[in-house]
Amino acid sequence: MLKIERVSDGRTTILRLIGRIQSNHIDDIRAQMDDDSVRIILDLSEVTLVDVEVVRFLSGRENAGIELVHCPRYLREWIFRERTEGEPR
């Protein structure tokens, strides 16, 4: 189950993602990120489990300028592996 806590000061929005994130939650996360006029930060400190589609989504968001903070080590390593394995040789 995923819980999303949103805190915004008008310039920056922090989305704290808590629990297990599955691919069917991606649209919910996107809906919370719909304001292009503010800086978006995803706080992943309490993420417990993800699937590969979520890893790819987070990697893509980071590539687009979204900051991932407090990213668990296993998740950071998985994002790195997805990026390096997905690069053309």
C-alpha atoms as a PDB file:
ATOM      1  CA  MET A   1       0.000   0.000   0.000  1.00  0.00           C
ATOM      2  CA  LEU A   2       1.244   3.471  -0.876  1.00  0.00           C
ATOM      3  CA  LYS A   3       0.704   6.629   1.133  1.00  0.00           C
ATOM      4  CA  ILE A   4       1.632  10.024  -0.311  1.00  0.00           C
ATOM      5  CA  GLU A   5       2.204  13.030   1.935  1.00  0.00           C
ATOM      6  CA  ARG A   6       2.423  16.364   0.130  1.00  0.00           C
ATOM      7  CA  VAL A   7       4.037  19.515   1.532  1.00  0.00           C
ATOM      8  CA  SER A   8       4.347  22.685  -0.530  1.00  0.00           C
ATOM      9  CA  ASP A   9       5.508  26.226   0.112  1.00  0.00           C
ATOM     10  CA  GLY A  10       4.447  27.533  -3.304  1.00  0.00           C
ATOM     11  CA  ARG A  11       7.916  27.172  -4.828  1.00  0.00           C
ATOM     12  CA  THR A  12       8.817  23.603  -3.857  1.00  0.00           C
ATOM     13  CA  THR A  13       6.604  20.563  -3.407  1.00  0.00           C
ATOM     14  CA  ILE A  14       7.881  17.586  -1.464  1.00  0.00           C
ATOM     15  CA  LEU A  15       6.078  14.311  -2.027  1.00  0.00           C
ATOM     16  CA  ARG A  16       6.898  11.814   0.705  1.00  0.00           C
ATOM     17  CA  LEU A  17       6.206   8.328  -0.576  1.00  0.00           C
ATOM     18  CA  ILE A  18       5.556   5.788   2.151  1.00  0.00           C
ATOM     19  CA  GLY A  19       5.259   2.025   1.854  1.00  0.00           C
ATOM     20  CA  ARG A  20       5.137  -0.265  -1.122  1.00  0.00           C
ATOM     21  CA  ILE A  21       4.973   1.316  -4.596  1.00  0.00           C
ATOM     22  CA  GLN A  22       3.652  -0.740  -7.482  1.00  0.00           C
ATOM     23  CA  SER A  23       3.260   0.190 -11.129  1.00  0.00           C
ATOM     24  CA  ASN A  24      -0.472   0.850 -10.650  1.00  0.00           C
ATOM     25  CA  HIS A  25       0.488   3.728  -8.284  1.00  0.00           C
ATOM     26  CA  ILE A  26       2.466   5.624 -10.929  1.00  0.00           C
ATOM     27  CA  ASP A  27      -0.581   7.564 -12.146  1.00  0.00           C
ATOM     28  CA  ASP A  28      -1.339   8.630  -8.545  1.00  0.00           C
ATOM     29  CA  ILE A  29       2.210   9.911  -8.136  1.00  0.00           C
ATOM     30  CA  ARG A  30       2.066  11.723 -11.506  1.00  0.00           C
ATOM     31  CA  ALA A  31      -1.193  13.402 -10.480  1.00  0.00           C
ATOM     32  CA  GLN A  32       0.561  14.826  -7.410  1.00  0.00           C
ATOM     33  CA  MET A  33       3.379  16.152  -9.632  1.00  0.00           C
ATOM     34  CA  ASP A  34       1.144  18.040 -12.071  1.00  0.00           C
ATOM     35  CA  ASP A  35       2.344  21.570 -11.247  1.00  0.00           C
ATOM     36  CA  ASP A  36       5.187  22.542 -13.601  1.00  0.00           C
ATOM     37  CA  SER A  37       5.638  25.907 -11.858  1.00  0.00           C
ATOM     38  CA  VAL A  38       7.186  24.409  -8.710  1.00  0.00           C
ATOM     39  CA  ARG A  39      10.255  22.338  -7.962  1.00  0.00           C
ATOM     40  CA  ILE A  40       9.321  18.735  -7.167  1.00  0.00           C
ATOM     41  CA  ILE A  41      11.211  16.591  -4.664  1.00  0.00           C
ATOM     42  CA  LEU A  42      10.392  12.945  -4.026  1.00  0.00           C
ATOM     43  CA  ASP A  43      11.300  11.826  -0.502  1.00  0.00           C
ATOM     44  CA  LEU A  44      11.797   8.060  -0.631  1.00  0.00           C
ATOM     45  CA  SER A  45      12.988   7.518   2.946  1.00  0.00           C
ATOM     46  CA  GLU A  46      10.047   5.286   3.847  1.00  0.00           C
ATOM     47  CA  VAL A  47       9.711   3.314   0.620  1.00  0.00           C
ATOM     48  CA  THR A  48       9.809  -0.372   1.481  1.00  0.00           C
ATOM     49  CA  LEU A  49       9.342  -2.162  -1.845  1.00  0.00           C
ATOM     50  CA  VAL A  50       9.053  -1.257  -5.535  1.00  0.00           C
ATOM     51  CA  ASP A  51       8.668  -3.069  -8.831  1.00  0.00           C
ATOM     52  CA  VAL A  52      10.718  -2.613 -11.996  1.00  0.00           C
ATOM     53  CA  GLU A  53       8.229  -0.224 -13.634  1.00  0.00           C
ATOM     54  CA  VAL A  54       8.450   2.056 -10.599  1.00  0.00           C
ATOM     55  CA  VAL A  55      12.253   1.988 -10.788  1.00  0.00           C
ATOM     56  CA  ARG A  56      12.082   3.000 -14.450  1.00  0.00           C
ATOM     57  CA  PHE A  57       9.547   5.731 -13.641  1.00  0.00           C
ATOM     58  CA  LEU A  58      11.725   7.150 -10.836  1.00  0.00           C
ATOM     59  CA  SER A  59      14.801   7.022 -13.055  1.00  0.00           C
ATOM     60  CA  GLY A  60      12.957   8.909 -15.774  1.00  0.00           C
ATOM     61  CA  ARG A  61      11.706  11.532 -13.335  1.00  0.00           C
ATOM     62  CA  GLU A  62      15.218  12.025 -12.004  1.00  0.00           C
ATOM     63  CA  ASN A  63      16.518  12.411 -15.559  1.00  0.00           C
ATOM     64  CA  ALA A  64      13.828  15.062 -16.090  1.00  0.00           C
ATOM     65  CA  GLY A  65      15.065  17.081 -13.104  1.00  0.00           C
ATOM     66  CA  ILE A  66      12.954  15.739 -10.254  1.00  0.00           C
ATOM     67  CA  GLU A  67      15.110  15.339  -7.151  1.00  0.00           C
ATOM     68  CA  LEU A  68      15.046  11.978  -5.349  1.00  0.00           C
ATOM     69  CA  VAL A  69      16.046  12.395  -1.705  1.00  0.00           C
ATOM     70  CA  HIS A  70      16.626   9.841   1.060  1.00  0.00           C
ATOM     71  CA  CYS A  71      16.631   7.109  -1.543  1.00  0.00           C
ATOM     72  CA  PRO A  72      17.193   3.667   0.015  1.00  0.00           C
ATOM     73  CA  ARG A  73      20.465   2.077  -1.065  1.00  0.00           C
ATOM     74  CA  TYR A  74      18.778  -0.902  -2.785  1.00  0.00           C
ATOM     75  CA  LEU A  75      16.616   1.459  -4.822  1.00  0.00           C
ATOM     76  CA  ARG A  76      19.516   3.750  -5.780  1.00  0.00           C
ATOM     77  CA  GLU A  77      21.525   0.713  -6.939  1.00  0.00           C
ATOM     78  CA  TRP A  78      18.568  -0.646  -8.915  1.00  0.00           C
ATOM     79  CA  ILE A  79      18.051   2.713 -10.651  1.00  0.00           C
ATOM     80  CA  PHE A  80      21.755   2.761 -11.523  1.00  0.00           C
ATOM     81  CA  ARG A  81      21.585  -0.785 -12.933  1.00  0.00           C
ATOM     82  CA  GLU A  82      18.511   0.025 -15.016  1.00  0.00           C
ATOM     83  CA  ARG A  83      20.283   3.056 -16.474  1.00  0.00           C
ATOM     84  CA  THR A  84      23.509   1.251 -17.295  1.00  0.00           C
ATOM     85  CA  GLU A  85      21.805  -1.842 -18.687  1.00  0.00           C
ATOM     86  CA  GLY A  86      19.447   0.287 -20.758  1.00  0.00           C
ATOM     87  CA  GLU A  87      22.207   2.271 -22.461  1.00  0.00           C
ATOM     88  CA  PRO A  88      22.974   1.384 -26.079  1.00  0.00           C
ATOM     89  CA  ARG A  89      26.277  -0.393 -26.473  1.00  0.00           C
END
